[in-house]
């Protein structure tokens, strides 16, 4: 695994957190502050204290409540017991690494997750996406960029419900953009934020073929700078969830060399 020198964080840490008062620290190395009604709660699961200081300072400065867990199992326990608005998750963690964290989390929760990783190879990033991460940031990174990505992911998670759109009924499949719920014959299908955005985009225009760049813009926004395979990875995960139900199997169609479309099944 590539090593991220601690020196890479020192200048940022010294300039942005020197005057920042520390919150109460728990015995397991986590912190939190009182929550206000206007704040979205971000769970930061990271064991590097310097990175925690920088990220927490910037996120709190952007108006978010930040809870920190320095251990993978502690972070997962908190996420399951009291789901946050978003999780910023390190790949390499004590007791439970980021991929195992994602594997367990995605069995029951579609909480948006941004993964922090020192792994820069495309194969590693694709692996994180395959496990259900909504976005990734490689170390060392700009704290401002991370805040921008947090805002973008949360905005995408909230935007579809802002207009009070009616649920889409596509055969046995029901897609509720306000509550951001997907079900087949009343049986819920758990979706990540990105998976929901992709499905909703495709299902709104059955039969229309969407190119990968177009889907990237719809689900990630025009400013997203990611690898070409990100859409394919998320569509693969989405298709696997839909195909697990006979009534929605085959709903996502690949148009080779072009992109994807939604095929409405008969009720």
C-alpha atoms as a PDB file:
ATOM      1  CA  UNK A   1       0.000   0.000   0.000  1.00  0.00           C
ATOM      2  CA  UNK A   2       1.377   3.501  -0.854  1.00  0.00           C
ATOM      3  CA  UNK A   3       2.466   5.450   2.186  1.00  0.00           C
ATOM      4  CA  UNK A   4       1.193   8.977   2.687  1.00  0.00           C
ATOM      5  CA  UNK A   5       3.897  10.950   4.517  1.00  0.00           C
ATOM      6  CA  UNK A   6       2.722  12.625   7.665  1.00  0.00           C
ATOM      7  CA  UNK A   7       4.647  15.705   6.512  1.00  0.00           C
ATOM      8  CA  UNK A   8       2.128  16.116   3.694  1.00  0.00           C
ATOM      9  CA  UNK A   9      -0.479  17.140   6.273  1.00  0.00           C
ATOM     10  CA  UNK A  10       1.667  19.239   8.594  1.00  0.00           C
ATOM     11  CA  UNK A  11       1.378  22.600   6.839  1.00  0.00           C
ATOM     12  CA  UNK A  12      -2.390  22.316   6.492  1.00  0.00           C
ATOM     13  CA  UNK A  13      -2.786  21.049  10.039  1.00  0.00           C
ATOM     14  CA  UNK A  14      -0.695  23.844  11.519  1.00  0.00           C
ATOM     15  CA  UNK A  15      -2.522  26.584   9.640  1.00  0.00           C
ATOM     16  CA  UNK A  16      -6.131  25.488  10.040  1.00  0.00           C
ATOM     17  CA  UNK A  17      -6.321  23.717  13.374  1.00  0.00           C
ATOM     18  CA  UNK A  18      -3.843  25.491  15.615  1.00  0.00           C
ATOM     19  CA  UNK A  19      -6.561  27.690  17.060  1.00  0.00           C
ATOM     20  CA  UNK A  20      -9.328  25.085  16.867  1.00  0.00           C
ATOM     21  CA  UNK A  21     -10.466  23.942  20.327  1.00  0.00           C
ATOM     22  CA  UNK A  22     -10.632  20.196  20.643  1.00  0.00           C
ATOM     23  CA  UNK A  23     -13.916  18.513  21.365  1.00  0.00           C
ATOM     24  CA  UNK A  24     -14.231  15.998  24.150  1.00  0.00           C
ATOM     25  CA  UNK A  25     -12.339  12.850  23.235  1.00  0.00           C
ATOM     26  CA  UNK A  26     -13.789   9.451  24.049  1.00  0.00           C
ATOM     27  CA  UNK A  27     -11.755   6.504  25.248  1.00  0.00           C
ATOM     28  CA  UNK A  28     -11.947   4.860  21.814  1.00  0.00           C
ATOM     29  CA  UNK A  29     -10.440   7.932  20.140  1.00  0.00           C
ATOM     30  CA  UNK A  30     -13.681   9.439  18.824  1.00  0.00           C
ATOM     31  CA  UNK A  31     -15.075  12.922  19.226  1.00  0.00           C
ATOM     32  CA  UNK A  32     -18.410  14.580  18.904  1.00  0.00           C
ATOM     33  CA  UNK A  33     -20.195  17.839  19.575  1.00  0.00           C
ATOM     34  CA  UNK A  34     -23.795  18.772  20.365  1.00  0.00           C
ATOM     35  CA  UNK A  35     -26.017  18.631  17.289  1.00  0.00           C
ATOM     36  CA  UNK A  36     -28.161  21.522  16.083  1.00  0.00           C
ATOM     37  CA  UNK A  37     -31.265  21.185  13.959  1.00  0.00           C
ATOM     38  CA  UNK A  38     -29.648  22.909  10.952  1.00  0.00           C
ATOM     39  CA  UNK A  39     -26.655  20.588  10.765  1.00  0.00           C
ATOM     40  CA  UNK A  40     -26.229  17.375   8.843  1.00  0.00           C
ATOM     41  CA  UNK A  41     -24.230  14.797  10.762  1.00  0.00           C
ATOM     42  CA  UNK A  42     -21.130  13.377   9.080  1.00  0.00           C
ATOM     43  CA  UNK A  43     -19.453  10.263  10.478  1.00  0.00           C
ATOM     44  CA  UNK A  44     -15.697  10.365   9.838  1.00  0.00           C
ATOM     45  CA  UNK A  45     -14.061   6.961  10.275  1.00  0.00           C
ATOM     46  CA  UNK A  46     -10.316   7.604  10.199  1.00  0.00           C
ATOM     47  CA  UNK A  47      -7.429   6.575  12.461  1.00  0.00           C
ATOM     48  CA  UNK A  48      -4.867   9.206  11.426  1.00  0.00           C
ATOM     49  CA  UNK A  49      -5.131  12.016  13.980  1.00  0.00           C
ATOM     50  CA  UNK A  50      -3.634  14.661  11.656  1.00  0.00           C
ATOM     51  CA  UNK A  51      -6.147  13.871   8.922  1.00  0.00           C
ATOM     52  CA  UNK A  52      -8.958  13.850  11.481  1.00  0.00           C
ATOM     53  CA  UNK A  53      -7.991  17.338  12.664  1.00  0.00           C
ATOM     54  CA  UNK A  54      -7.933  18.767   9.149  1.00  0.00           C
ATOM     55  CA  UNK A  55     -11.090  17.098   7.863  1.00  0.00           C
ATOM     56  CA  UNK A  56     -13.087  17.776  11.004  1.00  0.00           C
ATOM     57  CA  UNK A  57     -12.082  21.453  10.983  1.00  0.00           C
ATOM     58  CA  UNK A  58     -13.080  21.983   7.372  1.00  0.00           C
ATOM     59  CA  UNK A  59     -16.353  20.074   7.638  1.00  0.00           C
ATOM     60  CA  UNK A  60     -17.339  21.882  10.822  1.00  0.00           C
ATOM     61  CA  UNK A  61     -16.400  25.161   9.166  1.00  0.00           C
ATOM     62  CA  UNK A  62     -18.816  24.252   6.357  1.00  0.00           C
ATOM     63  CA  UNK A  63     -21.610  23.817   8.900  1.00  0.00           C
ATOM     64  CA  UNK A  64     -21.642  20.049   9.413  1.00  0.00           C
ATOM     65  CA  UNK A  65     -21.696  18.194  12.703  1.00  0.00           C
ATOM     66  CA  UNK A  66     -18.769  15.767  12.676  1.00  0.00           C
ATOM     67  CA  UNK A  67     -18.559  12.594  14.713  1.00  0.00           C
ATOM     68  CA  UNK A  68     -15.251  10.741  14.558  1.00  0.00           C
ATOM     69  CA  UNK A  69     -14.430   7.088  15.114  1.00  0.00           C
ATOM     70  CA  UNK A  70     -10.832   5.910  14.823  1.00  0.00           C
ATOM     71  CA  UNK A  71     -11.714   2.208  14.707  1.00  0.00           C
ATOM     72  CA  UNK A  72     -13.612   0.392  11.964  1.00  0.00           C
ATOM     73  CA  UNK A  73     -15.842  -1.657  14.241  1.00  0.00           C
ATOM     74  CA  UNK A  74     -16.703   1.337  16.412  1.00  0.00           C
ATOM     75  CA  UNK A  75     -17.541   3.365  13.318  1.00  0.00           C
ATOM     76  CA  UNK A  76     -19.740   0.636  11.875  1.00  0.00           C
ATOM     77  CA  UNK A  77     -21.562   0.184  15.177  1.00  0.00           C
ATOM     78  CA  UNK A  78     -22.352   3.895  15.304  1.00  0.00           C
ATOM     79  CA  UNK A  79     -23.441   4.018  11.668  1.00  0.00           C
ATOM     80  CA  UNK A  80     -25.868   1.137  12.157  1.00  0.00           C
ATOM     81  CA  UNK A  81     -27.209   2.376  15.495  1.00  0.00           C
ATOM     82  CA  UNK A  82     -27.726   5.982  14.408  1.00  0.00           C
ATOM     83  CA  UNK A  83     -27.323   6.434  10.639  1.00  0.00           C
ATOM     84  CA  UNK A  84     -25.593   9.709   9.719  1.00  0.00           C
ATOM     85  CA  UNK A  85     -26.303  11.799   6.628  1.00  0.00           C
ATOM     86  CA  UNK A  86     -22.984  10.667   5.119  1.00  0.00           C
ATOM     87  CA  UNK A  87     -19.893   8.652   6.030  1.00  0.00           C
ATOM     88  CA  UNK A  88     -16.305   9.615   5.169  1.00  0.00           C
ATOM     89  CA  UNK A  89     -14.493   6.298   5.418  1.00  0.00           C
ATOM     90  CA  UNK A  90     -10.800   5.451   5.381  1.00  0.00           C
ATOM     91  CA  UNK A  91      -9.815   2.272   3.539  1.00  0.00           C
ATOM     92  CA  UNK A  92      -7.189   1.019   6.026  1.00  0.00           C
ATOM     93  CA  UNK A  93      -8.558   0.927   9.564  1.00  0.00           C
ATOM     94  CA  UNK A  94      -7.863  -0.982  12.792  1.00  0.00           C
ATOM     95  CA  UNK A  95     -10.064  -4.022  13.505  1.00  0.00           C
ATOM     96  CA  UNK A  96     -12.215  -3.676  10.356  1.00  0.00           C
ATOM     97  CA  UNK A  97     -11.014  -2.237   7.061  1.00  0.00           C
ATOM     98  CA  UNK A  98     -13.060   0.008   4.807  1.00  0.00           C
ATOM     99  CA  UNK A  99     -14.097  -2.705   2.365  1.00  0.00           C
ATOM    100  CA  UNK A 100     -15.425  -4.996   5.082  1.00  0.00           C
ATOM    101  CA  UNK A 101     -17.123  -1.971   6.646  1.00  0.00           C
ATOM    102  CA  UNK A 102     -18.850  -1.293   3.312  1.00  0.00           C
ATOM    103  CA  UNK A 103     -19.776  -4.930   2.792  1.00  0.00           C
ATOM    104  CA  UNK A 104     -21.611  -5.092   6.134  1.00  0.00           C
ATOM    105  CA  UNK A 105     -23.135  -1.610   5.856  1.00  0.00           C
ATOM    106  CA  UNK A 106     -24.592  -2.223   2.402  1.00  0.00           C
ATOM    107  CA  UNK A 107     -26.541  -5.270   3.569  1.00  0.00           C
ATOM    108  CA  UNK A 108     -29.035  -2.969   5.261  1.00  0.00           C
ATOM    109  CA  UNK A 109     -28.204   0.703   4.619  1.00  0.00           C
ATOM    110  CA  UNK A 110     -27.843   2.993   1.613  1.00  0.00           C
ATOM    111  CA  UNK A 111     -26.071   5.773   3.535  1.00  0.00           C
ATOM    112  CA  UNK A 112     -23.868   7.800   1.150  1.00  0.00           C
ATOM    113  CA  UNK A 113     -20.178   6.969   1.617  1.00  0.00           C
ATOM    114  CA  UNK A 114     -17.074   8.792   0.425  1.00  0.00           C
ATOM    115  CA  UNK A 115     -14.000   6.614   0.725  1.00  0.00           C
ATOM    116  CA  UNK A 116     -10.571   8.005   1.573  1.00  0.00           C
ATOM    117  CA  UNK A 117      -7.712   5.960   0.186  1.00  0.00           C
ATOM    118  CA  UNK A 118      -3.978   6.141  -0.427  1.00  0.00           C
ATOM    119  CA  UNK A 119      -4.470   3.552  -3.176  1.00  0.00           C
ATOM    120  CA  UNK A 120      -4.233   5.353  -6.496  1.00  0.00           C
ATOM    121  CA  UNK A 121      -4.505   2.432  -8.923  1.00  0.00           C
ATOM    122  CA  UNK A 122      -7.706   2.350 -10.945  1.00  0.00           C
ATOM    123  CA  UNK A 123      -8.338  -1.277  -9.966  1.00  0.00           C
ATOM    124  CA  UNK A 124      -8.332  -0.330  -6.269  1.00  0.00           C
ATOM    125  CA  UNK A 125     -10.719   2.559  -6.793  1.00  0.00           C
ATOM    126  CA  UNK A 126     -13.041   0.398  -8.861  1.00  0.00           C
ATOM    127  CA  UNK A 127     -12.996  -2.178  -6.065  1.00  0.00           C
ATOM    128  CA  UNK A 128     -14.133   0.473  -3.581  1.00  0.00           C
ATOM    129  CA  UNK A 129     -16.974   1.464  -5.896  1.00  0.00           C
ATOM    130  CA  UNK A 130     -17.980  -2.160  -6.378  1.00  0.00           C
ATOM    131  CA  UNK A 131     -18.363  -2.467  -2.615  1.00  0.00           C
ATOM    132  CA  UNK A 132     -20.823   0.425  -2.702  1.00  0.00           C
ATOM    133  CA  UNK A 133     -18.859   3.645  -2.169  1.00  0.00           C
ATOM    134  CA  UNK A 134     -20.564   6.669  -3.727  1.00  0.00           C
ATOM    135  CA  UNK A 135     -17.341   8.585  -4.300  1.00  0.00           C
ATOM    136  CA  UNK A 136     -13.654   8.407  -3.438  1.00  0.00           C
ATOM    137  CA  UNK A 137     -10.853  10.829  -2.632  1.00  0.00           C
ATOM    138  CA  UNK A 138      -7.199   9.823  -2.851  1.00  0.00           C
ATOM    139  CA  UNK A 139      -4.631  10.848  -0.244  1.00  0.00           C
ATOM    140  CA  UNK A 140      -3.100  13.355   0.081  1.00  0.00           C
ATOM    141  CA  UNK A 141      -6.092  15.489  -0.843  1.00  0.00           C
ATOM    142  CA  UNK A 142      -7.356  19.044  -0.658  1.00  0.00           C
ATOM    143  CA  UNK A 143      -9.721  19.464   2.323  1.00  0.00           C
ATOM    144  CA  UNK A 144     -11.709  21.963   0.274  1.00  0.00           C
ATOM    145  CA  UNK A 145     -12.187  19.375  -2.448  1.00  0.00           C
ATOM    146  CA  UNK A 146     -13.418  16.867   0.120  1.00  0.00           C
ATOM    147  CA  UNK A 147     -15.949  19.391   1.464  1.00  0.00           C
ATOM    148  CA  UNK A 148     -17.100  20.075  -2.096  1.00  0.00           C
ATOM    149  CA  UNK A 149     -17.589  16.345  -2.705  1.00  0.00           C
ATOM    150  CA  UNK A 150     -19.500  15.948   0.562  1.00  0.00           C
ATOM    151  CA  UNK A 151     -21.804  18.786  -0.476  1.00  0.00           C
ATOM    152  CA  UNK A 152     -22.273  17.299  -3.939  1.00  0.00           C
ATOM    153  CA  UNK A 153     -23.140  13.826  -2.635  1.00  0.00           C
ATOM    154  CA  UNK A 154     -25.584  15.200  -0.061  1.00  0.00           C
ATOM    155  CA  UNK A 155     -27.119  17.535  -2.616  1.00  0.00           C
ATOM    156  CA  UNK A 156     -27.698  14.644  -4.991  1.00  0.00           C
ATOM    157  CA  UNK A 157     -29.203  12.613  -2.149  1.00  0.00           C
ATOM    158  CA  UNK A 158     -31.651  15.413  -1.345  1.00  0.00           C
ATOM    159  CA  UNK A 159     -32.356  17.015  -4.707  1.00  0.00           C
ATOM    160  CA  UNK A 160     -34.804  14.533  -6.164  1.00  0.00           C
ATOM    161  CA  UNK A 161     -37.231  15.049  -3.299  1.00  0.00           C
ATOM    162  CA  UNK A 162     -37.220  18.844  -3.444  1.00  0.00           C
ATOM    163  CA  UNK A 163     -39.921  19.151  -6.098  1.00  0.00           C
ATOM    164  CA  UNK A 164     -42.429  16.711  -4.619  1.00  0.00           C
ATOM    165  CA  UNK A 165     -42.404  14.477  -7.689  1.00  0.00           C
ATOM    166  CA  UNK A 166     -44.885  11.614  -7.777  1.00  0.00           C
ATOM    167  CA  UNK A 167     -43.483   8.076  -7.532  1.00  0.00           C
ATOM    168  CA  UNK A 168     -42.671   6.326 -10.795  1.00  0.00           C
ATOM    169  CA  UNK A 169     -44.543   3.097 -11.440  1.00  0.00           C
ATOM    170  CA  UNK A 170     -42.663   0.885 -13.885  1.00  0.00           C
ATOM    171  CA  UNK A 171     -44.393  -2.464 -14.026  1.00  0.00           C
ATOM    172  CA  UNK A 172     -43.919  -4.025 -10.590  1.00  0.00           C
ATOM    173  CA  UNK A 173     -41.183  -1.529  -9.764  1.00  0.00           C
ATOM    174  CA  UNK A 174     -42.003   1.575  -7.725  1.00  0.00           C
ATOM    175  CA  UNK A 175     -39.506   4.433  -7.425  1.00  0.00           C
ATOM    176  CA  UNK A 176     -40.317   7.167  -4.922  1.00  0.00           C
ATOM    177  CA  UNK A 177     -38.075  10.243  -5.496  1.00  0.00           C
ATOM    178  CA  UNK A 178     -39.330  12.082  -2.425  1.00  0.00           C
ATOM    179  CA  UNK A 179     -38.636   9.310   0.066  1.00  0.00           C
ATOM    180  CA  UNK A 180     -35.873   7.891  -2.181  1.00  0.00           C
ATOM    181  CA  UNK A 181     -37.258   4.384  -1.857  1.00  0.00           C
ATOM    182  CA  UNK A 182     -37.376   1.571  -4.405  1.00  0.00           C
ATOM    183  CA  UNK A 183     -39.646  -1.447  -4.091  1.00  0.00           C
ATOM    184  CA  UNK A 184     -40.860  -4.394  -6.139  1.00  0.00           C
ATOM    185  CA  UNK A 185     -44.427  -5.478  -5.341  1.00  0.00           C
ATOM    186  CA  UNK A 186     -44.047  -3.665  -2.031  1.00  0.00           C
ATOM    187  CA  UNK A 187     -40.741  -5.372  -1.172  1.00  0.00           C
ATOM    188  CA  UNK A 188     -38.028  -2.719  -0.563  1.00  0.00           C
ATOM    189  CA  UNK A 189     -34.751  -2.784  -2.472  1.00  0.00           C
ATOM    190  CA  UNK A 190     -31.904  -1.058  -0.656  1.00  0.00           C
ATOM    191  CA  UNK A 191     -30.059   1.434  -2.868  1.00  0.00           C
ATOM    192  CA  UNK A 192     -27.049   3.667  -2.431  1.00  0.00           C
ATOM    193  CA  UNK A 193     -27.519   7.339  -3.312  1.00  0.00           C
ATOM    194  CA  UNK A 194     -25.724   6.891  -6.646  1.00  0.00           C
ATOM    195  CA  UNK A 195     -27.646   3.756  -7.533  1.00  0.00           C
ATOM    196  CA  UNK A 196     -30.927   5.507  -6.844  1.00  0.00           C
ATOM    197  CA  UNK A 197     -29.938   8.501  -8.973  1.00  0.00           C
ATOM    198  CA  UNK A 198     -28.952   6.250 -11.886  1.00  0.00           C
ATOM    199  CA  UNK A 199     -32.138   4.192 -11.666  1.00  0.00           C
ATOM    200  CA  UNK A 200     -34.342   7.273 -11.403  1.00  0.00           C
ATOM    201  CA  UNK A 201     -32.622   8.902 -14.381  1.00  0.00           C
ATOM    202  CA  UNK A 202     -33.062   5.802 -16.540  1.00  0.00           C
ATOM    203  CA  UNK A 203     -36.590   4.961 -15.393  1.00  0.00           C
ATOM    204  CA  UNK A 204     -37.924   8.450 -16.093  1.00  0.00           C
ATOM    205  CA  UNK A 205     -37.332   7.839 -19.802  1.00  0.00           C
ATOM    206  CA  UNK A 206     -37.935   4.137 -20.534  1.00  0.00           C
ATOM    207  CA  UNK A 207     -36.338   3.043 -23.789  1.00  0.00           C
ATOM    208  CA  UNK A 208     -34.108   6.103 -24.082  1.00  0.00           C
ATOM    209  CA  UNK A 209     -30.409   5.296 -24.309  1.00  0.00           C
ATOM    210  CA  UNK A 210     -28.197   7.316 -21.948  1.00  0.00           C
ATOM    211  CA  UNK A 211     -24.480   7.562 -22.631  1.00  0.00           C
ATOM    212  CA  UNK A 212     -22.012   7.176 -19.791  1.00  0.00           C
ATOM    213  CA  UNK A 213     -21.040  10.852 -19.781  1.00  0.00           C
ATOM    214  CA  UNK A 214     -24.703  11.833 -19.621  1.00  0.00           C
ATOM    215  CA  UNK A 215     -25.312   9.503 -16.676  1.00  0.00           C
ATOM    216  CA  UNK A 216     -22.220  10.876 -14.936  1.00  0.00           C
ATOM    217  CA  UNK A 217     -23.613  14.379 -15.232  1.00  0.00           C
ATOM    218  CA  UNK A 218     -27.044  13.346 -13.941  1.00  0.00           C
ATOM    219  CA  UNK A 219     -25.812  11.275 -10.984  1.00  0.00           C
ATOM    220  CA  UNK A 220     -22.513  12.942 -10.065  1.00  0.00           C
ATOM    221  CA  UNK A 221     -22.813  16.452 -11.479  1.00  0.00           C
ATOM    222  CA  UNK A 222     -20.861  18.181 -14.250  1.00  0.00           C
ATOM    223  CA  UNK A 223     -17.845  18.899 -12.022  1.00  0.00           C
ATOM    224  CA  UNK A 224     -17.174  15.240 -11.198  1.00  0.00           C
ATOM    225  CA  UNK A 225     -13.681  14.138 -12.218  1.00  0.00           C
ATOM    226  CA  UNK A 226     -13.648  10.359 -11.972  1.00  0.00           C
ATOM    227  CA  UNK A 227     -12.554   7.268 -13.824  1.00  0.00           C
ATOM    228  CA  UNK A 228     -14.422   6.145 -16.923  1.00  0.00           C
ATOM    229  CA  UNK A 229     -15.611   2.924 -15.326  1.00  0.00           C
ATOM    230  CA  UNK A 230     -17.469   4.530 -12.433  1.00  0.00           C
ATOM    231  CA  UNK A 231     -20.830   4.369 -14.238  1.00  0.00           C
ATOM    232  CA  UNK A 232     -20.297   0.736 -15.254  1.00  0.00           C
ATOM    233  CA  UNK A 233     -19.471  -0.266 -11.683  1.00  0.00           C
ATOM    234  CA  UNK A 234     -22.551   1.379 -10.200  1.00  0.00           C
ATOM    235  CA  UNK A 235     -24.848   0.113 -12.954  1.00  0.00           C
ATOM    236  CA  UNK A 236     -23.493  -3.398 -12.346  1.00  0.00           C
ATOM    237  CA  UNK A 237     -24.353  -3.121  -8.647  1.00  0.00           C
ATOM    238  CA  UNK A 238     -27.771  -1.675  -9.477  1.00  0.00           C
ATOM    239  CA  UNK A 239     -28.506  -4.404 -12.000  1.00  0.00           C
ATOM    240  CA  UNK A 240     -27.545  -7.118  -9.507  1.00  0.00           C
ATOM    241  CA  UNK A 241     -30.059  -5.764  -6.990  1.00  0.00           C
ATOM    242  CA  UNK A 242     -32.857  -5.506  -9.544  1.00  0.00           C
ATOM    243  CA  UNK A 243     -32.136  -8.901 -11.082  1.00  0.00           C
ATOM    244  CA  UNK A 244     -32.449 -10.531  -7.656  1.00  0.00           C
ATOM    245  CA  UNK A 245     -36.228 -10.018  -8.084  1.00  0.00           C
ATOM    246  CA  UNK A 246     -37.842 -11.843 -11.033  1.00  0.00           C
ATOM    247  CA  UNK A 247     -40.309  -8.984 -11.525  1.00  0.00           C
ATOM    248  CA  UNK A 248     -37.543  -6.414 -12.124  1.00  0.00           C
ATOM    249  CA  UNK A 249     -34.909  -8.688 -13.696  1.00  0.00           C
ATOM    250  CA  UNK A 250     -33.551  -7.313 -16.957  1.00  0.00           C
ATOM    251  CA  UNK A 251     -34.788  -3.778 -16.323  1.00  0.00           C
ATOM    252  CA  UNK A 252     -31.385  -2.258 -17.083  1.00  0.00           C
ATOM    253  CA  UNK A 253     -30.268  -2.890 -20.643  1.00  0.00           C
ATOM    254  CA  UNK A 254     -26.733  -2.400 -21.960  1.00  0.00           C
ATOM    255  CA  UNK A 255     -26.502  -0.820 -25.395  1.00  0.00           C
ATOM    256  CA  UNK A 256     -23.025  -1.900 -26.434  1.00  0.00           C
ATOM    257  CA  UNK A 257     -20.718   0.954 -27.272  1.00  0.00           C
ATOM    258  CA  UNK A 258     -23.277   3.569 -26.266  1.00  0.00           C
ATOM    259  CA  UNK A 259     -24.571   3.257 -22.707  1.00  0.00           C
ATOM    260  CA  UNK A 260     -27.671   2.036 -20.870  1.00  0.00           C
ATOM    261  CA  UNK A 261     -31.443   2.191 -21.016  1.00  0.00           C
ATOM    262  CA  UNK A 262     -34.399   1.156 -18.889  1.00  0.00           C
ATOM    263  CA  UNK A 263     -36.730  -1.567 -20.147  1.00  0.00           C
ATOM    264  CA  UNK A 264     -40.085  -1.596 -18.436  1.00  0.00           C
ATOM    265  CA  UNK A 265     -41.250  -5.048 -17.452  1.00  0.00           C
ATOM    266  CA  UNK A 266     -44.881  -6.066 -17.622  1.00  0.00           C
ATOM    267  CA  UNK A 267     -46.723  -5.967 -14.281  1.00  0.00           C
END
